[in-house]
Amino acid sequence: MSKLMKSFNKGIEYLLMVLVALMVISAVWQVLSRYIFGQGSAQTEELMRYAIIWVSVIGGAYVYGEKGHLAITFFANKLKPSLVKVIGVLIDTAVSIFSTIVLIYGGYQIVSATMIQISPGMGLPMGYMYLALPIAGFMFILYAIQHITTRLKSENNIAL
């Protein structure tokens, strides 16, 4: 893996850690404010909702990049290594096409449509919540390109 990709992955790891820490702190504050002060905070509830969406979507792209996702390899283990390589390239190509159409194009459409809608708790445009979709789409494509080039350069059977 290139030095640039390692730095990119490290940055994503830190972003995800910060978002999870922010969710934990917000949840603790929400519980304390509800039981000690008698009134929950609308801002922390909304912040947790935004953070969990970002962690889920960006984290999913990161896990795909690290090949940490679930894979059913029963059939792939029964195929010739050259065919496994072809199937792997096809799968990564399908991920790229899906990411381009659904996450980037569709995500851009929903971000554009919701930037004028203001969230009730924090007063931020709702488009910020949906911005995770096109960002994750670019990440999926970047990782798919990395997987394809690794597969094509490798002489060995690389797992799906």
C-alpha atoms as a PDB file:
ATOM      1  CA  MET A   1       0.000   0.000   0.000  1.00  0.00           C
ATOM      2  CA  SER A   2       1.337   3.424  -0.878  1.00  0.00           C
ATOM      3  CA  LYS A   3       2.368   5.937   1.716  1.00  0.00           C
ATOM      4  CA  LEU A   4      -0.424   8.253   0.576  1.00  0.00           C
ATOM      5  CA  MET A   5      -3.074   5.562   1.134  1.00  0.00           C
ATOM      6  CA  LYS A   6      -1.651   4.750   4.565  1.00  0.00           C
ATOM      7  CA  SER A   7      -1.897   8.424   5.509  1.00  0.00           C
ATOM      8  CA  PHE A   8      -5.430   8.602   4.105  1.00  0.00           C
ATOM      9  CA  ASN A   9      -6.462   5.517   6.108  1.00  0.00           C
ATOM     10  CA  LYS A  10      -4.888   6.921   9.272  1.00  0.00           C
ATOM     11  CA  GLY A  11      -6.854  10.169   8.783  1.00  0.00           C
ATOM     12  CA  ILE A  12     -10.106   8.231   8.342  1.00  0.00           C
ATOM     13  CA  GLU A  13      -9.331   6.205  11.487  1.00  0.00           C
ATOM     14  CA  TYR A  14      -8.854   9.403  13.488  1.00  0.00           C
ATOM     15  CA  LEU A  15     -12.040  10.923  12.068  1.00  0.00           C
ATOM     16  CA  LEU A  16     -14.022   7.826  13.045  1.00  0.00           C
ATOM     17  CA  MET A  17     -12.474   7.785  16.532  1.00  0.00           C
ATOM     18  CA  VAL A  18     -13.383  11.442  17.055  1.00  0.00           C
ATOM     19  CA  LEU A  19     -16.947  10.828  15.882  1.00  0.00           C
ATOM     20  CA  VAL A  20     -17.382   7.832  18.198  1.00  0.00           C
ATOM     21  CA  ALA A  21     -15.923   9.806  21.123  1.00  0.00           C
ATOM     22  CA  LEU A  22     -18.295  12.655  20.281  1.00  0.00           C
ATOM     23  CA  MET A  23     -21.224  10.218  20.359  1.00  0.00           C
ATOM     24  CA  VAL A  24     -20.173   8.844  23.756  1.00  0.00           C
ATOM     25  CA  ILE A  25     -19.710  12.316  25.250  1.00  0.00           C
ATOM     26  CA  SER A  26     -23.061  13.441  23.801  1.00  0.00           C
ATOM     27  CA  ALA A  27     -24.843  10.365  25.165  1.00  0.00           C
ATOM     28  CA  VAL A  28     -23.376  10.874  28.634  1.00  0.00           C
ATOM     29  CA  TRP A  29     -24.342  14.552  28.567  1.00  0.00           C
ATOM     30  CA  GLN A  30     -27.843  13.658  27.351  1.00  0.00           C
ATOM     31  CA  VAL A  31     -28.353  11.222  30.237  1.00  0.00           C
ATOM     32  CA  LEU A  32     -26.934  13.632  32.820  1.00  0.00           C
ATOM     33  CA  SER A  33     -28.950  16.591  31.583  1.00  0.00           C
ATOM     34  CA  ARG A  34     -32.137  14.551  31.486  1.00  0.00           C
ATOM     35  CA  TYR A  35     -31.823  13.058  34.982  1.00  0.00           C
ATOM     36  CA  ILE A  36     -30.018  15.853  36.813  1.00  0.00           C
ATOM     37  CA  PHE A  37     -31.540  18.933  35.173  1.00  0.00           C
ATOM     38  CA  GLY A  38     -34.822  17.300  34.203  1.00  0.00           C
ATOM     39  CA  GLN A  39     -34.583  18.278  30.566  1.00  0.00           C
ATOM     40  CA  GLY A  40     -32.738  16.574  27.707  1.00  0.00           C
ATOM     41  CA  SER A  41     -30.721  18.517  25.210  1.00  0.00           C
ATOM     42  CA  ALA A  42     -32.062  18.575  21.646  1.00  0.00           C
ATOM     43  CA  GLN A  43     -28.609  19.482  20.312  1.00  0.00           C
ATOM     44  CA  THR A  44     -26.874  16.411  21.719  1.00  0.00           C
ATOM     45  CA  GLU A  45     -29.595  14.099  20.450  1.00  0.00           C
ATOM     46  CA  GLU A  46     -29.239  15.521  16.955  1.00  0.00           C
ATOM     47  CA  LEU A  47     -25.447  15.491  17.155  1.00  0.00           C
ATOM     48  CA  MET A  48     -25.520  11.787  18.039  1.00  0.00           C
ATOM     49  CA  ARG A  49     -27.831  11.118  15.078  1.00  0.00           C
ATOM     50  CA  TYR A  50     -25.507  12.960  12.670  1.00  0.00           C
ATOM     51  CA  ALA A  51     -22.427  11.233  14.103  1.00  0.00           C
ATOM     52  CA  ILE A  52     -23.869   7.724  13.884  1.00  0.00           C
ATOM     53  CA  ILE A  53     -24.823   8.269  10.248  1.00  0.00           C
ATOM     54  CA  TRP A  54     -21.321   9.518   9.431  1.00  0.00           C
ATOM     55  CA  VAL A  55     -19.652   6.679  11.367  1.00  0.00           C
ATOM     56  CA  SER A  56     -21.818   4.078   9.633  1.00  0.00           C
ATOM     57  CA  VAL A  57     -21.356   5.341   6.085  1.00  0.00           C
ATOM     58  CA  ILE A  58     -17.702   6.424   6.256  1.00  0.00           C
ATOM     59  CA  GLY A  59     -16.864   3.398   8.425  1.00  0.00           C
ATOM     60  CA  GLY A  60     -18.441   1.094   5.846  1.00  0.00           C
ATOM     61  CA  ALA A  61     -16.228   2.531   3.116  1.00  0.00           C
ATOM     62  CA  TYR A  62     -13.169   2.215   5.361  1.00  0.00           C
ATOM     63  CA  VAL A  63     -13.931  -1.426   6.183  1.00  0.00           C
ATOM     64  CA  TYR A  64     -14.341  -2.169   2.470  1.00  0.00           C
ATOM     65  CA  GLY A  65     -10.942  -0.570   1.844  1.00  0.00           C
ATOM     66  CA  GLU A  66      -9.327  -2.699   4.544  1.00  0.00           C
ATOM     67  CA  LYS A  67     -11.119  -5.815   3.252  1.00  0.00           C
ATOM     68  CA  GLY A  68     -12.678  -6.281   6.658  1.00  0.00           C
ATOM     69  CA  HIS A  69     -16.189  -6.819   5.291  1.00  0.00           C
ATOM     70  CA  LEU A  70     -18.017 -10.122   5.347  1.00  0.00           C
ATOM     71  CA  ALA A  71     -17.484 -12.282   2.311  1.00  0.00           C
ATOM     72  CA  ILE A  72     -18.930 -15.641   1.420  1.00  0.00           C
ATOM     73  CA  THR A  73     -15.976 -17.483  -0.069  1.00  0.00           C
ATOM     74  CA  PHE A  74     -17.463 -20.961  -0.385  1.00  0.00           C
ATOM     75  CA  PHE A  75     -17.744 -20.789  -4.176  1.00  0.00           C
ATOM     76  CA  ALA A  76     -14.612 -18.699  -4.676  1.00  0.00           C
ATOM     77  CA  ASN A  77     -12.546 -21.330  -2.857  1.00  0.00           C
ATOM     78  CA  LYS A  78     -13.668 -23.919  -5.399  1.00  0.00           C
ATOM     79  CA  LEU A  79     -12.626 -21.874  -8.447  1.00  0.00           C
ATOM     80  CA  LYS A  80      -9.333 -21.525 -10.259  1.00  0.00           C
ATOM     81  CA  PRO A  81      -7.167 -18.610  -8.996  1.00  0.00           C
ATOM     82  CA  SER A  82      -7.361 -16.866 -12.376  1.00  0.00           C
ATOM     83  CA  LEU A  83     -11.161 -16.966 -12.277  1.00  0.00           C
ATOM     84  CA  VAL A  84     -11.168 -15.663  -8.687  1.00  0.00           C
ATOM     85  CA  LYS A  85      -9.079 -12.717  -9.904  1.00  0.00           C
ATOM     86  CA  VAL A  86     -11.577 -11.963 -12.694  1.00  0.00           C
ATOM     87  CA  ILE A  87     -14.547 -12.228 -10.326  1.00  0.00           C
ATOM     88  CA  GLY A  88     -12.781  -9.959  -7.816  1.00  0.00           C
ATOM     89  CA  VAL A  89     -12.206  -7.317 -10.500  1.00  0.00           C
ATOM     90  CA  LEU A  90     -15.860  -7.577 -11.561  1.00  0.00           C
ATOM     91  CA  ILE A  91     -17.034  -7.179  -7.966  1.00  0.00           C
ATOM     92  CA  ASP A  92     -14.829  -4.125  -7.421  1.00  0.00           C
ATOM     93  CA  THR A  93     -16.054  -2.668 -10.721  1.00  0.00           C
ATOM     94  CA  ALA A  94     -19.666  -3.206  -9.628  1.00  0.00           C
ATOM     95  CA  VAL A  95     -18.891  -1.459  -6.328  1.00  0.00           C
ATOM     96  CA  SER A  96     -17.468   1.480  -8.296  1.00  0.00           C
ATOM     97  CA  ILE A  97     -20.525   1.711 -10.544  1.00  0.00           C
ATOM     98  CA  PHE A  98     -22.895   1.520  -7.560  1.00  0.00           C
ATOM     99  CA  SER A  99     -20.858   4.144  -5.706  1.00  0.00           C
ATOM    100  CA  THR A 100     -20.887   6.485  -8.680  1.00  0.00           C
ATOM    101  CA  ILE A 101     -24.610   6.231  -9.359  1.00  0.00           C
ATOM    102  CA  VAL A 102     -26.106   5.857  -5.895  1.00  0.00           C
ATOM    103  CA  LEU A 103     -23.648   7.387  -3.451  1.00  0.00           C
ATOM    104  CA  ILE A 104     -22.067  10.179  -5.473  1.00  0.00           C
ATOM    105  CA  TYR A 105     -24.818  11.171  -7.921  1.00  0.00           C
ATOM    106  CA  GLY A 106     -27.748  10.335  -5.628  1.00  0.00           C
ATOM    107  CA  GLY A 107     -25.910  11.725  -2.610  1.00  0.00           C
ATOM    108  CA  TYR A 108     -25.208  14.982  -4.446  1.00  0.00           C
ATOM    109  CA  GLN A 109     -28.891  15.257  -5.366  1.00  0.00           C
ATOM    110  CA  ILE A 110     -30.046  14.793  -1.777  1.00  0.00           C
ATOM    111  CA  VAL A 111     -27.358  17.125  -0.385  1.00  0.00           C
ATOM    112  CA  SER A 112     -28.402  19.830  -2.864  1.00  0.00           C
ATOM    113  CA  ALA A 113     -32.081  19.376  -2.038  1.00  0.00           C
ATOM    114  CA  THR A 114     -31.610  19.498   1.748  1.00  0.00           C
ATOM    115  CA  MET A 115     -29.099  22.336   2.123  1.00  0.00           C
ATOM    116  CA  ILE A 116     -31.976  24.793   2.507  1.00  0.00           C
ATOM    117  CA  GLN A 117     -33.672  22.645   5.165  1.00  0.00           C
ATOM    118  CA  ILE A 118     -32.451  23.579   8.654  1.00  0.00           C
ATOM    119  CA  SER A 119     -32.241  21.001  11.437  1.00  0.00           C
ATOM    120  CA  PRO A 120     -34.373  21.896  14.453  1.00  0.00           C
ATOM    121  CA  GLY A 121     -31.864  21.042  17.189  1.00  0.00           C
ATOM    122  CA  MET A 122     -28.548  22.455  16.008  1.00  0.00           C
ATOM    123  CA  GLY A 123     -29.729  24.869  13.322  1.00  0.00           C
ATOM    124  CA  LEU A 124     -27.446  23.378  10.660  1.00  0.00           C
ATOM    125  CA  PRO A 125     -28.429  22.584   7.082  1.00  0.00           C
ATOM    126  CA  MET A 126     -29.651  18.988   6.806  1.00  0.00           C
ATOM    127  CA  GLY A 127     -27.414  18.582   3.766  1.00  0.00           C
ATOM    128  CA  TYR A 128     -24.437  18.232   6.107  1.00  0.00           C
ATOM    129  CA  MET A 129     -25.868  14.964   7.384  1.00  0.00           C
ATOM    130  CA  TYR A 130     -26.232  13.611   3.843  1.00  0.00           C
ATOM    131  CA  LEU A 131     -22.779  14.848   2.782  1.00  0.00           C
ATOM    132  CA  ALA A 132     -21.399  11.560   4.113  1.00  0.00           C
ATOM    133  CA  LEU A 133     -22.910   9.760   1.087  1.00  0.00           C
ATOM    134  CA  PRO A 134     -20.854  11.363  -1.715  1.00  0.00           C
ATOM    135  CA  ILE A 135     -17.741  11.349   0.481  1.00  0.00           C
ATOM    136  CA  ALA A 136     -18.160   7.625   1.106  1.00  0.00           C
ATOM    137  CA  GLY A 137     -18.819   7.126  -2.610  1.00  0.00           C
ATOM    138  CA  PHE A 138     -15.457   8.651  -3.473  1.00  0.00           C
ATOM    139  CA  MET A 139     -13.834   6.503  -0.799  1.00  0.00           C
ATOM    140  CA  PHE A 140     -15.426   3.319  -2.171  1.00  0.00           C
ATOM    141  CA  ILE A 141     -14.184   4.158  -5.671  1.00  0.00           C
ATOM    142  CA  LEU A 142     -10.696   4.957  -4.411  1.00  0.00           C
ATOM    143  CA  TYR A 143     -10.524   1.662  -2.538  1.00  0.00           C
ATOM    144  CA  ALA A 144     -11.996  -0.270  -5.482  1.00  0.00           C
ATOM    145  CA  ILE A 145      -9.311   1.131  -7.778  1.00  0.00           C
ATOM    146  CA  GLN A 146      -6.685   0.133  -5.224  1.00  0.00           C
ATOM    147  CA  HIS A 147      -8.138  -3.397  -4.996  1.00  0.00           C
ATOM    148  CA  ILE A 148      -8.280  -3.791  -8.777  1.00  0.00           C
ATOM    149  CA  THR A 149      -4.701  -2.649  -9.309  1.00  0.00           C
ATOM    150  CA  THR A 150      -3.491  -4.939  -6.512  1.00  0.00           C
ATOM    151  CA  ARG A 151      -5.358  -7.884  -8.046  1.00  0.00           C
ATOM    152  CA  LEU A 152      -4.038  -7.241 -11.536  1.00  0.00           C
ATOM    153  CA  LYS A 153      -0.430  -6.870 -10.354  1.00  0.00           C
ATOM    154  CA  SER A 154      -0.546  -9.943  -8.136  1.00  0.00           C
ATOM    155  CA  GLU A 155       0.340 -13.410  -9.304  1.00  0.00           C
ATOM    156  CA  ASN A 156      -1.318 -14.989  -6.256  1.00  0.00           C
ATOM    157  CA  ASN A 157      -4.933 -15.678  -5.522  1.00  0.00           C
ATOM    158  CA  ILE A 158      -6.257 -12.639  -3.648  1.00  0.00           C
ATOM    159  CA  ALA A 159      -9.347 -13.162  -1.519  1.00  0.00           C
ATOM    160  CA  LEU A 160     -12.590 -11.545  -2.568  1.00  0.00           C
END
